[in-house]
Amino acid sequence: MPLYYGYGYGYGAMFDPLYLVVVIVSLVLGLAAQAYINRAYRTWSKVSSDGCSGEDVARRMLEANGCGAVGIRRVNGHLTDHYDPRDNNLYLSSENMLGGSVASVAVACHEAGHAVQRARGFSMFKMRQALVPVVNFTQSIWMIVLLLGIFMNMAGLTTIAIALFAFSVVFQLVTLPVEFDASRRAVAYIQESGMSAQQVEGARKVLTAAALTYVAAALTSILQLLYLLARTQRSQND
């Protein structure tokens, strides 16, 4: 479940109480969300899925949705699981690919949910994929444009930089329904597969915790955008 952080706070280089508030709130949001997903994952990784590995259940979910051609590959790291539409493969960490816990099944089925979204032509998934190259470009240049605008005292460049950064905010907002829908599909399949009410509830809790990391990322991006707008407005009024 890769996240898109790291947009930076270069405009607040000089001491600014408002900037400090934005940094602190962003850090608290990120750390709280990460702590929540780690706790939920740790709790439900101790509960058995009745002998089914994450790979097994994800494969059955894919086949049940006509996505049998989707590959499943192993990837290094902890909670590095993701679906790559470029090669139509699920990439699962060893603990979730081979693990037989409720947490492993939940994460694996969530990633399978993204493959199903692609196969079904889910509109928000297609929109997010279309935004990826745009956001990769805007992320790489918005800070440069912003610094040029500040040092050259050109309000136009500053406005362009903020507009470029806004694409990242849009991306984060579009990501939310994509992630929520993938989790909904995962929980629905886990329930249909015959797992107990406790196991289904555990999967739901793991995926809800994971979704909150995306909510935190979106809120952080919005806070940064609002700060940039406020700082620009203040500079123009000085």
C-alpha atoms as a PDB file:
ATOM      1  CA  MET A   1       0.000   0.000   0.000  1.00  0.00           C
ATOM      2  CA  PRO A   2       2.412   2.645  -1.120  1.00  0.00           C
ATOM      3  CA  LEU A   3       1.776   6.178   0.067  1.00  0.00           C
ATOM      4  CA  TYR A   4       2.618   9.510  -1.525  1.00  0.00           C
ATOM      5  CA  TYR A   5       4.201  11.754   1.060  1.00  0.00           C
ATOM      6  CA  GLY A   6       7.153  14.095   0.897  1.00  0.00           C
ATOM      7  CA  TYR A   7       5.923  17.254  -0.771  1.00  0.00           C
ATOM      8  CA  GLY A   8       8.079  19.437   1.448  1.00  0.00           C
ATOM      9  CA  TYR A   9       7.649  22.677   3.333  1.00  0.00           C
ATOM     10  CA  GLY A  10      10.264  24.878   1.681  1.00  0.00           C
ATOM     11  CA  TYR A  11       8.088  27.984   1.759  1.00  0.00           C
ATOM     12  CA  GLY A  12       8.212  27.974   5.546  1.00  0.00           C
ATOM     13  CA  ALA A  13      11.995  28.090   5.800  1.00  0.00           C
ATOM     14  CA  MET A  14      11.896  31.313   7.828  1.00  0.00           C
ATOM     15  CA  PHE A  15      10.294  30.982  11.240  1.00  0.00           C
ATOM     16  CA  ASP A  16       6.542  31.248  10.977  1.00  0.00           C
ATOM     17  CA  PRO A  17       4.192  30.181  13.800  1.00  0.00           C
ATOM     18  CA  LEU A  18       1.594  29.037  11.275  1.00  0.00           C
ATOM     19  CA  TYR A  19       4.209  26.914   9.519  1.00  0.00           C
ATOM     20  CA  LEU A  20       5.131  25.321  12.847  1.00  0.00           C
ATOM     21  CA  VAL A  21       1.477  24.433  13.447  1.00  0.00           C
ATOM     22  CA  VAL A  22       1.221  22.833   9.994  1.00  0.00           C
ATOM     23  CA  VAL A  23       4.371  20.774  10.581  1.00  0.00           C
ATOM     24  CA  ILE A  24       3.264  19.572  14.016  1.00  0.00           C
ATOM     25  CA  VAL A  25      -0.269  18.690  12.912  1.00  0.00           C
ATOM     26  CA  SER A  26       1.071  16.861   9.850  1.00  0.00           C
ATOM     27  CA  LEU A  27       3.539  14.872  11.939  1.00  0.00           C
ATOM     28  CA  VAL A  28       0.867  13.939  14.475  1.00  0.00           C
ATOM     29  CA  LEU A  29      -1.526  12.827  11.728  1.00  0.00           C
ATOM     30  CA  GLY A  30       1.120  10.723  10.012  1.00  0.00           C
ATOM     31  CA  LEU A  31       2.459   9.116  13.175  1.00  0.00           C
ATOM     32  CA  ALA A  32      -1.010   8.405  14.564  1.00  0.00           C
ATOM     33  CA  ALA A  33      -2.155   6.774  11.331  1.00  0.00           C
ATOM     34  CA  GLN A  34       1.017   4.682  11.126  1.00  0.00           C
ATOM     35  CA  ALA A  35       0.710   3.593  14.750  1.00  0.00           C
ATOM     36  CA  TYR A  36      -2.919   2.614  14.197  1.00  0.00           C
ATOM     37  CA  ILE A  37      -2.237   0.438  11.148  1.00  0.00           C
ATOM     38  CA  ASN A  38       0.755  -1.198  12.857  1.00  0.00           C
ATOM     39  CA  ARG A  39      -1.339  -2.006  15.920  1.00  0.00           C
ATOM     40  CA  ALA A  40      -4.263  -3.374  13.901  1.00  0.00           C
ATOM     41  CA  TYR A  41      -1.976  -5.424  11.678  1.00  0.00           C
ATOM     42  CA  ARG A  42      -0.043  -6.811  14.646  1.00  0.00           C
ATOM     43  CA  THR A  43      -3.262  -7.754  16.464  1.00  0.00           C
ATOM     44  CA  TRP A  44      -4.876  -9.556  13.541  1.00  0.00           C
ATOM     45  CA  SER A  45      -1.682 -11.183  12.313  1.00  0.00           C
ATOM     46  CA  LYS A  46      -2.050 -13.403  15.386  1.00  0.00           C
ATOM     47  CA  VAL A  47      -5.507 -14.625  14.344  1.00  0.00           C
ATOM     48  CA  SER A  48      -5.579 -17.559  11.928  1.00  0.00           C
ATOM     49  CA  SER A  49      -7.439 -17.483   8.642  1.00  0.00           C
ATOM     50  CA  ASP A  50      -8.047 -21.232   8.963  1.00  0.00           C
ATOM     51  CA  GLY A  51      -4.939 -22.259   7.064  1.00  0.00           C
ATOM     52  CA  CYS A  52      -5.412 -20.086   3.975  1.00  0.00           C
ATOM     53  CA  SER A  53      -2.466 -17.922   2.941  1.00  0.00           C
ATOM     54  CA  GLY A  54      -2.872 -14.407   1.601  1.00  0.00           C
ATOM     55  CA  GLU A  55      -1.810 -15.632  -1.827  1.00  0.00           C
ATOM     56  CA  ASP A  56      -4.395 -18.437  -1.804  1.00  0.00           C
ATOM     57  CA  VAL A  57      -7.341 -16.200  -0.978  1.00  0.00           C
ATOM     58  CA  ALA A  58      -6.199 -13.394  -3.291  1.00  0.00           C
ATOM     59  CA  ARG A  59      -5.874 -15.891  -6.149  1.00  0.00           C
ATOM     60  CA  ARG A  60      -9.381 -17.212  -5.542  1.00  0.00           C
ATOM     61  CA  MET A  61     -10.748 -13.668  -5.401  1.00  0.00           C
ATOM     62  CA  LEU A  62      -9.059 -12.810  -8.695  1.00  0.00           C
ATOM     63  CA  GLU A  63     -10.404 -15.914 -10.411  1.00  0.00           C
ATOM     64  CA  ALA A  64     -13.902 -15.322  -9.035  1.00  0.00           C
ATOM     65  CA  ASN A  65     -13.835 -11.890 -10.666  1.00  0.00           C
ATOM     66  CA  GLY A  66     -12.483 -13.009 -14.022  1.00  0.00           C
ATOM     67  CA  CYS A  67      -8.954 -11.782 -13.303  1.00  0.00           C
ATOM     68  CA  GLY A  68      -7.130 -15.100 -13.473  1.00  0.00           C
ATOM     69  CA  ALA A  69      -4.425 -13.621 -15.699  1.00  0.00           C
ATOM     70  CA  VAL A  70      -3.210 -11.334 -12.916  1.00  0.00           C
ATOM     71  CA  GLY A  71       0.139 -12.494 -11.557  1.00  0.00           C
ATOM     72  CA  ILE A  72       1.161 -12.623  -7.908  1.00  0.00           C
ATOM     73  CA  ARG A  73       4.778 -11.841  -7.079  1.00  0.00           C
ATOM     74  CA  ARG A  74       6.724 -11.511  -3.863  1.00  0.00           C
ATOM     75  CA  VAL A  75       8.213  -8.164  -2.821  1.00  0.00           C
ATOM     76  CA  ASN A  76      10.625  -7.348  -0.008  1.00  0.00           C
ATOM     77  CA  GLY A  77       9.712  -5.226   2.985  1.00  0.00           C
ATOM     78  CA  HIS A  78       6.934  -4.802   5.539  1.00  0.00           C
ATOM     79  CA  LEU A  79       3.506  -3.716   4.238  1.00  0.00           C
ATOM     80  CA  THR A  80       5.010  -2.948   0.831  1.00  0.00           C
ATOM     81  CA  ASP A  81       2.126  -4.773  -0.848  1.00  0.00           C
ATOM     82  CA  HIS A  82       0.711  -3.155  -3.975  1.00  0.00           C
ATOM     83  CA  TYR A  83      -0.880  -3.787  -7.348  1.00  0.00           C
ATOM     84  CA  ASP A  84       1.000  -2.578 -10.425  1.00  0.00           C
ATOM     85  CA  PRO A  85      -1.341  -2.084 -13.400  1.00  0.00           C
ATOM     86  CA  ARG A  86       1.632  -1.653 -15.727  1.00  0.00           C
ATOM     87  CA  ASP A  87       2.461  -5.365 -15.613  1.00  0.00           C
ATOM     88  CA  ASN A  88      -0.848  -6.530 -14.117  1.00  0.00           C
ATOM     89  CA  ASN A  89       0.787  -8.118 -11.076  1.00  0.00           C
ATOM     90  CA  LEU A  90       0.039  -8.128  -7.370  1.00  0.00           C
ATOM     91  CA  TYR A  91       3.191  -7.632  -5.318  1.00  0.00           C
ATOM     92  CA  LEU A  92       2.825  -9.103  -1.840  1.00  0.00           C
ATOM     93  CA  SER A  93       5.313  -9.022   1.013  1.00  0.00           C
ATOM     94  CA  SER A  94       6.441 -12.421   2.254  1.00  0.00           C
ATOM     95  CA  GLU A  95       4.416 -12.110   5.456  1.00  0.00           C
ATOM     96  CA  ASN A  96       1.196 -11.482   3.528  1.00  0.00           C
ATOM     97  CA  MET A  97       1.866 -13.773   0.586  1.00  0.00           C
ATOM     98  CA  LEU A  98       2.712 -16.814   2.689  1.00  0.00           C
ATOM     99  CA  GLY A  99       1.125 -15.874   5.999  1.00  0.00           C
ATOM    100  CA  GLY A 100      -2.080 -17.546   7.100  1.00  0.00           C
ATOM    101  CA  SER A 101      -3.469 -14.782   9.282  1.00  0.00           C
ATOM    102  CA  VAL A 102      -6.547 -12.579   8.973  1.00  0.00           C
ATOM    103  CA  ALA A 103      -4.263  -9.571   8.462  1.00  0.00           C
ATOM    104  CA  SER A 104      -2.390 -11.289   5.615  1.00  0.00           C
ATOM    105  CA  VAL A 105      -5.610 -12.241   3.851  1.00  0.00           C
ATOM    106  CA  ALA A 106      -7.066  -8.747   4.288  1.00  0.00           C
ATOM    107  CA  VAL A 107      -4.059  -7.004   2.753  1.00  0.00           C
ATOM    108  CA  ALA A 108      -3.731  -9.507  -0.103  1.00  0.00           C
ATOM    109  CA  CYS A 109      -7.422  -9.247  -0.977  1.00  0.00           C
ATOM    110  CA  HIS A 110      -7.245  -5.448  -0.844  1.00  0.00           C
ATOM    111  CA  GLU A 111      -4.549  -5.506  -3.515  1.00  0.00           C
ATOM    112  CA  ALA A 112      -6.599  -8.004  -5.510  1.00  0.00           C
ATOM    113  CA  GLY A 113      -9.411  -5.467  -5.242  1.00  0.00           C
ATOM    114  CA  HIS A 114      -7.314  -3.002  -7.237  1.00  0.00           C
ATOM    115  CA  ALA A 115      -6.861  -5.569 -10.002  1.00  0.00           C
ATOM    116  CA  VAL A 116     -10.628  -6.079 -10.062  1.00  0.00           C
ATOM    117  CA  GLN A 117     -11.103  -2.299 -10.285  1.00  0.00           C
ATOM    118  CA  ARG A 118      -8.905  -2.213 -13.366  1.00  0.00           C
ATOM    119  CA  ALA A 119     -10.706  -5.143 -14.968  1.00  0.00           C
ATOM    120  CA  ARG A 120     -14.114  -3.593 -14.276  1.00  0.00           C
ATOM    121  CA  GLY A 121     -13.062  -0.159 -15.502  1.00  0.00           C
ATOM    122  CA  PHE A 122     -13.683   1.561 -12.150  1.00  0.00           C
ATOM    123  CA  SER A 123     -13.709   5.258 -13.065  1.00  0.00           C
ATOM    124  CA  MET A 124     -11.799   6.584 -10.044  1.00  0.00           C
ATOM    125  CA  PHE A 125      -9.083   3.973 -10.547  1.00  0.00           C
ATOM    126  CA  LYS A 126      -8.683   5.076 -14.164  1.00  0.00           C
ATOM    127  CA  MET A 127      -8.586   8.716 -13.085  1.00  0.00           C
ATOM    128  CA  ARG A 128      -5.879   8.027 -10.509  1.00  0.00           C
ATOM    129  CA  GLN A 129      -3.761   6.168 -13.041  1.00  0.00           C
ATOM    130  CA  ALA A 130      -4.117   9.042 -15.502  1.00  0.00           C
ATOM    131  CA  LEU A 131      -2.908  11.443 -12.807  1.00  0.00           C
ATOM    132  CA  VAL A 132       0.217   9.453 -11.898  1.00  0.00           C
ATOM    133  CA  PRO A 133       2.538  10.826 -14.641  1.00  0.00           C
ATOM    134  CA  VAL A 134       1.145  14.329 -14.157  1.00  0.00           C
ATOM    135  CA  VAL A 135       1.754  14.248 -10.402  1.00  0.00           C
ATOM    136  CA  ASN A 136       5.222  12.748 -10.829  1.00  0.00           C
ATOM    137  CA  PHE A 137       6.087  15.724 -13.044  1.00  0.00           C
ATOM    138  CA  THR A 138       4.508  18.420 -10.883  1.00  0.00           C
ATOM    139  CA  GLN A 139       6.109  17.007  -7.721  1.00  0.00           C
ATOM    140  CA  SER A 140       9.540  17.226  -9.333  1.00  0.00           C
ATOM    141  CA  ILE A 141       9.296  20.908 -10.303  1.00  0.00           C
ATOM    142  CA  TRP A 142       6.844  22.746  -8.036  1.00  0.00           C
ATOM    143  CA  MET A 143       9.406  23.529  -5.330  1.00  0.00           C
ATOM    144  CA  ILE A 144      11.918  24.807  -7.894  1.00  0.00           C
ATOM    145  CA  VAL A 145       9.286  27.108  -9.393  1.00  0.00           C
ATOM    146  CA  LEU A 146       8.269  28.269  -5.910  1.00  0.00           C
ATOM    147  CA  LEU A 147      11.835  29.138  -4.897  1.00  0.00           C
ATOM    148  CA  LEU A 148      12.387  30.994  -8.164  1.00  0.00           C
ATOM    149  CA  GLY A 149       9.221  32.965  -7.521  1.00  0.00           C
ATOM    150  CA  ILE A 150      10.400  33.880  -4.007  1.00  0.00           C
ATOM    151  CA  PHE A 151      13.973  34.829  -4.924  1.00  0.00           C
ATOM    152  CA  MET A 152      12.944  36.739  -8.064  1.00  0.00           C
ATOM    153  CA  ASN A 153       9.972  38.307  -6.263  1.00  0.00           C
ATOM    154  CA  MET A 154       7.633  37.157  -9.032  1.00  0.00           C
ATOM    155  CA  ALA A 155       4.115  36.498  -7.756  1.00  0.00           C
ATOM    156  CA  GLY A 156       3.202  34.804 -11.022  1.00  0.00           C
ATOM    157  CA  LEU A 157       5.769  32.045 -10.523  1.00  0.00           C
ATOM    158  CA  THR A 158       4.610  31.536  -6.951  1.00  0.00           C
ATOM    159  CA  THR A 159       1.038  31.120  -8.151  1.00  0.00           C
ATOM    160  CA  ILE A 160       2.160  28.609 -10.781  1.00  0.00           C
ATOM    161  CA  ALA A 161       4.073  26.651  -8.114  1.00  0.00           C
ATOM    162  CA  ILE A 162       1.008  26.443  -5.893  1.00  0.00           C
ATOM    163  CA  ALA A 163      -1.102  25.323  -8.857  1.00  0.00           C
ATOM    164  CA  LEU A 164       1.459  22.588  -9.573  1.00  0.00           C
ATOM    165  CA  PHE A 165       1.361  21.486  -5.936  1.00  0.00           C
ATOM    166  CA  ALA A 166      -2.441  21.391  -6.080  1.00  0.00           C
ATOM    167  CA  PHE A 167      -2.209  18.424  -8.466  1.00  0.00           C
ATOM    168  CA  SER A 168      -0.745  16.414  -5.578  1.00  0.00           C
ATOM    169  CA  VAL A 169      -3.729  17.338  -3.426  1.00  0.00           C
ATOM    170  CA  VAL A 170      -6.120  16.280  -6.177  1.00  0.00           C
ATOM    171  CA  PHE A 171      -4.238  12.985  -6.480  1.00  0.00           C
ATOM    172  CA  GLN A 172      -4.572  12.336  -2.756  1.00  0.00           C
ATOM    173  CA  LEU A 173      -8.295  13.063  -2.848  1.00  0.00           C
ATOM    174  CA  VAL A 174      -8.861  10.810  -5.868  1.00  0.00           C
ATOM    175  CA  THR A 175      -6.892   8.062  -4.114  1.00  0.00           C
ATOM    176  CA  LEU A 176      -9.358   7.914  -1.212  1.00  0.00           C
ATOM    177  CA  PRO A 177     -12.373   6.416  -3.054  1.00  0.00           C
ATOM    178  CA  VAL A 178     -10.020   4.037  -4.890  1.00  0.00           C
ATOM    179  CA  GLU A 179      -8.659   2.678  -1.614  1.00  0.00           C
ATOM    180  CA  PHE A 180     -12.055   2.573   0.099  1.00  0.00           C
ATOM    181  CA  ASP A 181     -13.561   0.671  -2.826  1.00  0.00           C
ATOM    182  CA  ALA A 182     -10.706  -1.867  -2.929  1.00  0.00           C
ATOM    183  CA  SER A 183     -11.206  -2.510   0.789  1.00  0.00           C
ATOM    184  CA  ARG A 184     -14.962  -2.859   0.306  1.00  0.00           C
ATOM    185  CA  ARG A 185     -14.396  -5.473  -2.404  1.00  0.00           C
ATOM    186  CA  ALA A 186     -11.881  -7.301  -0.213  1.00  0.00           C
ATOM    187  CA  VAL A 187     -14.160  -7.487   2.830  1.00  0.00           C
ATOM    188  CA  ALA A 188     -17.114  -8.568   0.680  1.00  0.00           C
ATOM    189  CA  TYR A 189     -15.110 -11.424  -0.822  1.00  0.00           C
ATOM    190  CA  ILE A 190     -13.687 -12.513   2.537  1.00  0.00           C
ATOM    191  CA  GLN A 191     -17.234 -12.659   3.875  1.00  0.00           C
ATOM    192  CA  GLU A 192     -18.448 -14.623   0.854  1.00  0.00           C
ATOM    193  CA  SER A 193     -15.536 -17.059   1.187  1.00  0.00           C
ATOM    194  CA  GLY A 194     -17.035 -18.438   4.377  1.00  0.00           C
ATOM    195  CA  MET A 195     -14.770 -16.980   7.031  1.00  0.00           C
ATOM    196  CA  SER A 196     -16.232 -16.412  10.476  1.00  0.00           C
ATOM    197  CA  ALA A 197     -17.791 -13.147  11.603  1.00  0.00           C
ATOM    198  CA  GLN A 198     -14.757 -12.527  13.813  1.00  0.00           C
ATOM    199  CA  GLN A 199     -12.356 -13.006  10.909  1.00  0.00           C
ATOM    200  CA  VAL A 200     -14.397 -10.720   8.662  1.00  0.00           C
ATOM    201  CA  GLU A 201     -14.490  -8.064  11.372  1.00  0.00           C
ATOM    202  CA  GLY A 202     -10.726  -8.390  11.810  1.00  0.00           C
ATOM    203  CA  ALA A 203     -10.155  -7.911   8.091  1.00  0.00           C
ATOM    204  CA  ARG A 204     -12.398  -4.852   8.156  1.00  0.00           C
ATOM    205  CA  LYS A 205     -10.443  -3.365  11.062  1.00  0.00           C
ATOM    206  CA  VAL A 206      -7.091  -3.906   9.346  1.00  0.00           C
ATOM    207  CA  LEU A 207      -8.293  -2.294   6.128  1.00  0.00           C
ATOM    208  CA  THR A 208      -9.975   0.584   7.946  1.00  0.00           C
ATOM    209  CA  ALA A 209      -6.688   1.303   9.706  1.00  0.00           C
ATOM    210  CA  ALA A 210      -4.862   1.159   6.377  1.00  0.00           C
ATOM    211  CA  ALA A 211      -7.385   3.548   4.817  1.00  0.00           C
ATOM    212  CA  LEU A 212      -6.716   6.071   7.566  1.00  0.00           C
ATOM    213  CA  THR A 213      -3.106   6.388   6.387  1.00  0.00           C
ATOM    214  CA  TYR A 214      -4.465   7.690   3.077  1.00  0.00           C
ATOM    215  CA  VAL A 215      -6.830  10.030   4.902  1.00  0.00           C
ATOM    216  CA  ALA A 216      -3.882  11.366   6.909  1.00  0.00           C
ATOM    217  CA  ALA A 217      -1.876  11.879   3.720  1.00  0.00           C
ATOM    218  CA  ALA A 218      -4.765  13.758   2.102  1.00  0.00           C
ATOM    219  CA  LEU A 219      -5.263  15.989   5.147  1.00  0.00           C
ATOM    220  CA  THR A 220      -1.533  16.721   5.258  1.00  0.00           C
ATOM    221  CA  SER A 221      -1.543  17.748   1.601  1.00  0.00           C
ATOM    222  CA  ILE A 222      -4.577  19.975   2.126  1.00  0.00           C
ATOM    223  CA  LEU A 223      -2.912  21.637   5.133  1.00  0.00           C
ATOM    224  CA  GLN A 224       0.219  22.296   3.090  1.00  0.00           C
ATOM    225  CA  LEU A 225      -1.809  23.780   0.247  1.00  0.00           C
ATOM    226  CA  LEU A 226      -3.764  26.032   2.608  1.00  0.00           C
ATOM    227  CA  TYR A 227      -0.515  27.159   4.205  1.00  0.00           C
ATOM    228  CA  LEU A 228       1.002  28.027   0.829  1.00  0.00           C
ATOM    229  CA  LEU A 229      -2.102  29.986  -0.135  1.00  0.00           C
ATOM    230  CA  ALA A 230      -2.154  31.840   3.190  1.00  0.00           C
ATOM    231  CA  ARG A 231       1.558  32.628   3.010  1.00  0.00           C
ATOM    232  CA  THR A 232       1.231  33.914  -0.544  1.00  0.00           C
ATOM    233  CA  GLN A 233      -1.761  36.072   0.332  1.00  0.00           C
ATOM    234  CA  ARG A 234       0.095  37.491   3.311  1.00  0.00           C
ATOM    235  CA  SER A 235       3.173  38.270   1.191  1.00  0.00           C
ATOM    236  CA  GLN A 236       1.067  40.073  -1.397  1.00  0.00           C
ATOM    237  CA  ASN A 237      -0.572  42.183   1.308  1.00  0.00           C
ATOM    238  CA  ASP A 238       2.756  43.206   2.896  1.00  0.00           C
END
